[in-house]
Amino acid sequence: MNDREPPGTLAPHIPADLYRHAQTTGQPIVIVTNNPPTGRPARAYLLPIVVITTGALGIVGTFAAALALIEYAAHTAAAIAGAAGPIGIGGLTLKLARPKGK
């Protein structure tokens, strides 16, 4: 019955009879691995990338909305100035928009 696996988690290359021999004699078992830890998993980088991306998209959206608002205000001011005609104060007359025909 020397082919039974010992209890617990062991490396797969340690035979059961060596484990039992070490257990009866009291010798410690040292397991040496050549696989160093690989660092942080990819999931650890996911949250910061999502937060930064959504923040950047929010800033771009806010900037685009501000530009659209400024453009709308400029078109509205041009339309009002074109419809109003010249403005006169005392003897000074100011024409806000050029005529399209000339």
N, C-alpha and C. Protein backbone atom coordinates (compact mmCIF):
# COMPACT_ATOMS: atom_id res chain seq x y z
N MET A 1 0.82 -1.19 0.00
CA MET A 1 0.00 0.00 0.00
C MET A 1 0.86 1.25 0.00
N ASN A 2 1.99 1.23 -0.63
CA ASN A 2 2.85 2.40 -0.69
C ASN A 2 2.48 3.35 -1.82
N ASP A 3 1.49 3.02 -2.63
CA ASP A 3 1.12 3.87 -3.76
C ASP A 3 0.00 4.86 -3.44
N ARG A 4 -0.49 4.89 -2.20
CA ARG A 4 -1.52 5.85 -1.83
C ARG A 4 -0.93 7.25 -1.70
N GLU A 5 -1.70 8.27 -2.09
CA GLU A 5 -1.24 9.65 -1.99
C GLU A 5 -1.40 10.14 -0.55
N PRO A 6 -0.47 10.93 -0.07
CA PRO A 6 -0.57 11.47 1.29
C PRO A 6 -1.67 12.54 1.36
N PRO A 7 -2.18 12.79 2.56
CA PRO A 7 -3.22 13.82 2.70
C PRO A 7 -2.63 15.21 2.53
N GLY A 8 -3.47 16.15 2.17
CA GLY A 8 -3.02 17.52 2.03
C GLY A 8 -2.60 17.83 0.60
N THR A 9 -2.12 19.06 0.43
CA THR A 9 -1.71 19.51 -0.89
C THR A 9 -0.20 19.42 -0.99
N LEU A 10 0.25 18.63 -1.93
CA LEU A 10 1.68 18.49 -2.16
C LEU A 10 1.96 18.69 -3.63
N ALA A 11 3.21 18.95 -3.93
CA ALA A 11 3.60 19.06 -5.34
C ALA A 11 3.44 17.69 -5.98
N PRO A 12 3.07 17.60 -7.24
CA PRO A 12 2.79 16.31 -7.85
C PRO A 12 4.04 15.45 -8.06
N HIS A 13 5.24 15.98 -7.91
CA HIS A 13 6.44 15.20 -8.17
C HIS A 13 7.01 14.52 -6.90
N ILE A 14 6.36 14.69 -5.74
CA ILE A 14 6.84 14.05 -4.52
C ILE A 14 6.13 12.70 -4.38
N PRO A 15 6.85 11.61 -4.41
CA PRO A 15 6.22 10.29 -4.24
C PRO A 15 5.72 10.10 -2.81
N ALA A 16 4.69 9.30 -2.67
CA ALA A 16 4.07 9.09 -1.37
C ALA A 16 5.00 8.38 -0.40
N ASP A 17 5.85 7.46 -0.88
CA ASP A 17 6.73 6.76 0.05
C ASP A 17 7.80 7.70 0.61
N LEU A 18 8.26 8.69 -0.17
CA LEU A 18 9.18 9.67 0.38
C LEU A 18 8.50 10.54 1.44
N TYR A 19 7.24 10.85 1.21
CA TYR A 19 6.49 11.63 2.19
C TYR A 19 6.35 10.86 3.50
N ARG A 20 6.00 9.61 3.40
CA ARG A 20 5.84 8.79 4.61
C ARG A 20 7.18 8.61 5.33
N HIS A 21 8.25 8.44 4.56
CA HIS A 21 9.57 8.29 5.18
C HIS A 21 9.95 9.58 5.94
N ALA A 22 9.69 10.73 5.34
CA ALA A 22 9.98 11.99 6.01
C ALA A 22 9.08 12.18 7.22
N GLN A 23 7.86 11.69 7.13
CA GLN A 23 6.94 11.82 8.25
C GLN A 23 7.36 10.94 9.42
N THR A 24 7.86 9.75 9.15
CA THR A 24 8.26 8.86 10.24
C THR A 24 9.59 9.28 10.85
N THR A 25 10.50 9.82 10.04
CA THR A 25 11.80 10.23 10.59
C THR A 25 11.78 11.64 11.13
N GLY A 26 10.75 12.42 10.79
CA GLY A 26 10.67 13.79 11.29
C GLY A 26 11.42 14.80 10.44
N GLN A 27 11.88 14.38 9.28
CA GLN A 27 12.59 15.31 8.40
C GLN A 27 11.59 16.25 7.73
N PRO A 28 11.98 17.51 7.59
CA PRO A 28 11.09 18.44 6.89
C PRO A 28 11.16 18.22 5.38
N ILE A 29 10.08 18.53 4.74
CA ILE A 29 10.03 18.46 3.28
C ILE A 29 10.12 19.88 2.75
N VAL A 30 11.10 20.10 1.89
CA VAL A 30 11.30 21.42 1.30
C VAL A 30 10.94 21.33 -0.18
N ILE A 31 10.04 22.20 -0.60
CA ILE A 31 9.62 22.23 -2.00
C ILE A 31 10.17 23.52 -2.61
N VAL A 32 10.96 23.38 -3.63
CA VAL A 32 11.55 24.54 -4.32
C VAL A 32 10.90 24.64 -5.69
N THR A 33 10.40 25.83 -5.99
CA THR A 33 9.79 26.05 -7.31
C THR A 33 10.59 27.09 -8.06
N ASN A 34 10.55 27.00 -9.35
CA ASN A 34 11.25 27.97 -10.20
C ASN A 34 10.30 28.98 -10.82
N ASN A 35 9.06 28.99 -10.42
CA ASN A 35 8.07 29.89 -10.99
C ASN A 35 7.90 31.09 -10.07
N PRO A 36 8.49 32.24 -10.41
CA PRO A 36 8.28 33.43 -9.59
C PRO A 36 6.86 33.98 -9.79
N PRO A 37 6.37 34.75 -8.86
CA PRO A 37 5.03 35.34 -9.05
C PRO A 37 5.03 36.23 -10.29
N THR A 38 3.94 36.20 -11.00
CA THR A 38 3.87 36.91 -12.28
C THR A 38 3.44 38.36 -12.15
N GLY A 39 3.17 38.87 -10.99
CA GLY A 39 2.75 40.26 -10.83
C GLY A 39 1.25 40.37 -10.69
N ARG A 40 0.77 41.56 -10.99
CA ARG A 40 -0.66 41.83 -10.83
C ARG A 40 -1.44 41.24 -11.99
N PRO A 41 -2.62 40.71 -11.72
CA PRO A 41 -3.45 40.18 -12.82
C PRO A 41 -4.03 41.34 -13.65
N ALA A 42 -4.48 41.02 -14.83
CA ALA A 42 -5.03 42.03 -15.73
C ALA A 42 -6.29 42.68 -15.16
N ARG A 43 -7.02 41.95 -14.32
CA ARG A 43 -8.24 42.49 -13.73
C ARG A 43 -7.95 43.68 -12.82
N ALA A 44 -6.75 43.75 -12.25
CA ALA A 44 -6.40 44.86 -11.37
C ALA A 44 -6.28 46.17 -12.14
N TYR A 45 -5.99 46.11 -13.43
CA TYR A 45 -5.85 47.31 -14.24
C TYR A 45 -7.16 47.73 -14.89
N LEU A 46 -8.18 46.91 -14.82
CA LEU A 46 -9.43 47.19 -15.52
C LEU A 46 -10.17 48.40 -14.93
N LEU A 47 -10.30 48.49 -13.63
CA LEU A 47 -11.05 49.58 -13.02
C LEU A 47 -10.41 50.94 -13.29
N PRO A 48 -9.09 51.11 -13.11
CA PRO A 48 -8.52 52.43 -13.43
C PRO A 48 -8.67 52.81 -14.91
N ILE A 49 -8.56 51.84 -15.81
CA ILE A 49 -8.71 52.14 -17.23
C ILE A 49 -10.14 52.57 -17.53
N VAL A 50 -11.11 51.90 -16.93
CA VAL A 50 -12.52 52.27 -17.15
C VAL A 50 -12.81 53.65 -16.59
N VAL A 51 -12.30 53.97 -15.42
CA VAL A 51 -12.54 55.27 -14.80
C VAL A 51 -11.91 56.38 -15.64
N ILE A 52 -10.67 56.18 -16.09
CA ILE A 52 -10.00 57.19 -16.89
C ILE A 52 -10.69 57.38 -18.23
N THR A 53 -11.12 56.29 -18.85
CA THR A 53 -11.79 56.39 -20.15
C THR A 53 -13.12 57.13 -20.03
N THR A 54 -13.90 56.80 -19.01
CA THR A 54 -15.19 57.49 -18.85
C THR A 54 -14.98 58.97 -18.50
N GLY A 55 -13.96 59.27 -17.73
CA GLY A 55 -13.66 60.67 -17.43
C GLY A 55 -13.26 61.43 -18.69
N ALA A 56 -12.43 60.82 -19.52
CA ALA A 56 -12.02 61.48 -20.76
C ALA A 56 -13.20 61.68 -21.69
N LEU A 57 -14.07 60.67 -21.80
CA LEU A 57 -15.26 60.82 -22.65
C LEU A 57 -16.19 61.91 -22.10
N GLY A 58 -16.28 62.03 -20.80
CA GLY A 58 -17.10 63.08 -20.20
C GLY A 58 -16.56 64.46 -20.50
N ILE A 59 -15.24 64.62 -20.43
CA ILE A 59 -14.63 65.92 -20.73
C ILE A 59 -14.82 66.26 -22.20
N VAL A 60 -14.62 65.28 -23.09
CA VAL A 60 -14.81 65.52 -24.53
C VAL A 60 -16.27 65.89 -24.81
N GLY A 61 -17.21 65.20 -24.17
CA GLY A 61 -18.62 65.51 -24.36
C GLY A 61 -18.98 66.91 -23.87
N THR A 62 -18.44 67.29 -22.73
CA THR A 62 -18.69 68.62 -22.20
C THR A 62 -18.13 69.69 -23.12
N PHE A 63 -16.93 69.47 -23.64
CA PHE A 63 -16.30 70.41 -24.56
C PHE A 63 -17.11 70.52 -25.85
N ALA A 64 -17.58 69.39 -26.38
CA ALA A 64 -18.40 69.42 -27.59
C ALA A 64 -19.71 70.15 -27.36
N ALA A 65 -20.32 69.96 -26.20
CA ALA A 65 -21.57 70.65 -25.89
C ALA A 65 -21.34 72.16 -25.77
N ALA A 66 -20.23 72.55 -25.16
CA ALA A 66 -19.91 73.98 -25.04
C ALA A 66 -19.69 74.60 -26.41
N LEU A 67 -18.98 73.90 -27.30
CA LEU A 67 -18.77 74.42 -28.65
C LEU A 67 -20.08 74.53 -29.41
N ALA A 68 -20.96 73.55 -29.27
CA ALA A 68 -22.26 73.61 -29.94
C ALA A 68 -23.08 74.78 -29.42
N LEU A 69 -23.02 75.03 -28.12
CA LEU A 69 -23.76 76.15 -27.54
C LEU A 69 -23.22 77.48 -28.04
N ILE A 70 -21.90 77.61 -28.11
CA ILE A 70 -21.29 78.84 -28.62
C ILE A 70 -21.65 79.05 -30.09
N GLU A 71 -21.62 77.99 -30.88
CA GLU A 71 -21.98 78.11 -32.29
C GLU A 71 -23.45 78.52 -32.45
N TYR A 72 -24.32 77.93 -31.66
CA TYR A 72 -25.73 78.28 -31.71
C TYR A 72 -25.94 79.75 -31.33
N ALA A 73 -25.24 80.21 -30.31
CA ALA A 73 -25.36 81.61 -29.88
C ALA A 73 -24.84 82.55 -30.97
N ALA A 74 -23.75 82.17 -31.66
CA ALA A 74 -23.23 83.01 -32.73
C ALA A 74 -24.21 83.08 -33.90
N HIS A 75 -24.80 81.97 -34.26
CA HIS A 75 -25.79 81.97 -35.35
C HIS A 75 -27.02 82.78 -34.97
N THR A 76 -27.45 82.68 -33.74
CA THR A 76 -28.61 83.44 -33.27
C THR A 76 -28.30 84.93 -33.29
N ALA A 77 -27.13 85.32 -32.83
CA ALA A 77 -26.75 86.74 -32.84
C ALA A 77 -26.65 87.27 -34.26
N ALA A 78 -26.13 86.47 -35.20
CA ALA A 78 -26.04 86.90 -36.59
C ALA A 78 -27.42 87.06 -37.20
N ALA A 79 -28.32 86.14 -36.88
CA ALA A 79 -29.68 86.24 -37.42
C ALA A 79 -30.41 87.46 -36.88
N ILE A 80 -30.25 87.74 -35.60
CA ILE A 80 -30.89 88.92 -35.01
C ILE A 80 -30.30 90.20 -35.58
N ALA A 81 -28.96 90.22 -35.74
CA ALA A 81 -28.31 91.42 -36.28
C ALA A 81 -28.71 91.65 -37.73
N GLY A 82 -28.88 90.58 -38.50
CA GLY A 82 -29.28 90.73 -39.89
C GLY A 82 -30.72 91.20 -40.02
N ALA A 83 -31.56 90.80 -39.11
CA ALA A 83 -32.97 91.18 -39.17
C ALA A 83 -33.22 92.57 -38.60
N ALA A 84 -32.37 93.02 -37.70
CA ALA A 84 -32.60 94.29 -37.01
C ALA A 84 -32.26 95.48 -37.89
N GLY A 85 -31.29 95.34 -38.77
CA GLY A 85 -30.90 96.48 -39.59
C GLY A 85 -29.96 97.39 -38.83
N PRO A 86 -29.77 98.60 -39.32
CA PRO A 86 -28.83 99.52 -38.66
C PRO A 86 -29.39 100.05 -37.33
N ILE A 87 -28.49 100.27 -36.39
CA ILE A 87 -28.86 100.81 -35.08
C ILE A 87 -28.28 102.23 -35.01
N GLY A 88 -29.11 103.17 -34.63
CA GLY A 88 -28.65 104.56 -34.56
C GLY A 88 -28.79 105.12 -33.18
N ILE A 89 -27.76 105.82 -32.72
CA ILE A 89 -27.78 106.51 -31.43
C ILE A 89 -27.36 107.95 -31.71
N GLY A 90 -28.24 108.87 -31.52
CA GLY A 90 -27.94 110.27 -31.83
C GLY A 90 -27.71 110.41 -33.34
N GLY A 91 -26.57 110.89 -33.72
CA GLY A 91 -26.27 111.04 -35.14
C GLY A 91 -25.40 109.91 -35.66
N LEU A 92 -25.04 108.94 -34.81
CA LEU A 92 -24.15 107.84 -35.19
C LEU A 92 -24.98 106.60 -35.54
N THR A 93 -24.74 106.06 -36.71
CA THR A 93 -25.48 104.87 -37.13
C THR A 93 -24.50 103.71 -37.27
N LEU A 94 -24.89 102.56 -36.76
CA LEU A 94 -24.03 101.37 -36.81
C LEU A 94 -24.79 100.24 -37.47
N LYS A 95 -24.21 99.70 -38.52
CA LYS A 95 -24.84 98.57 -39.19
C LYS A 95 -24.16 97.31 -38.66
N LEU A 96 -24.94 96.38 -38.12
CA LEU A 96 -24.40 95.20 -37.45
C LEU A 96 -24.03 94.10 -38.42
N ALA A 97 -24.68 94.02 -39.56
CA ALA A 97 -24.38 92.96 -40.51
C ALA A 97 -24.30 93.54 -41.91
N ARG A 98 -23.44 92.95 -42.73
CA ARG A 98 -23.34 93.39 -44.12
C ARG A 98 -24.48 92.81 -44.93
N PRO A 99 -24.90 93.51 -45.93
CA PRO A 99 -25.94 92.92 -46.79
C PRO A 99 -25.33 91.78 -47.62
N LYS A 100 -26.13 90.79 -47.93
CA LYS A 100 -25.66 89.61 -48.64
C LYS A 100 -25.46 89.89 -50.13
N GLY A 101 -26.17 90.85 -50.68
CA GLY A 101 -26.11 91.13 -52.10
C GLY A 101 -24.85 91.85 -52.55
N LYS A 102 -24.17 92.56 -51.71
CA LYS A 102 -23.03 93.38 -52.14
C LYS A 102 -21.71 92.78 -51.79
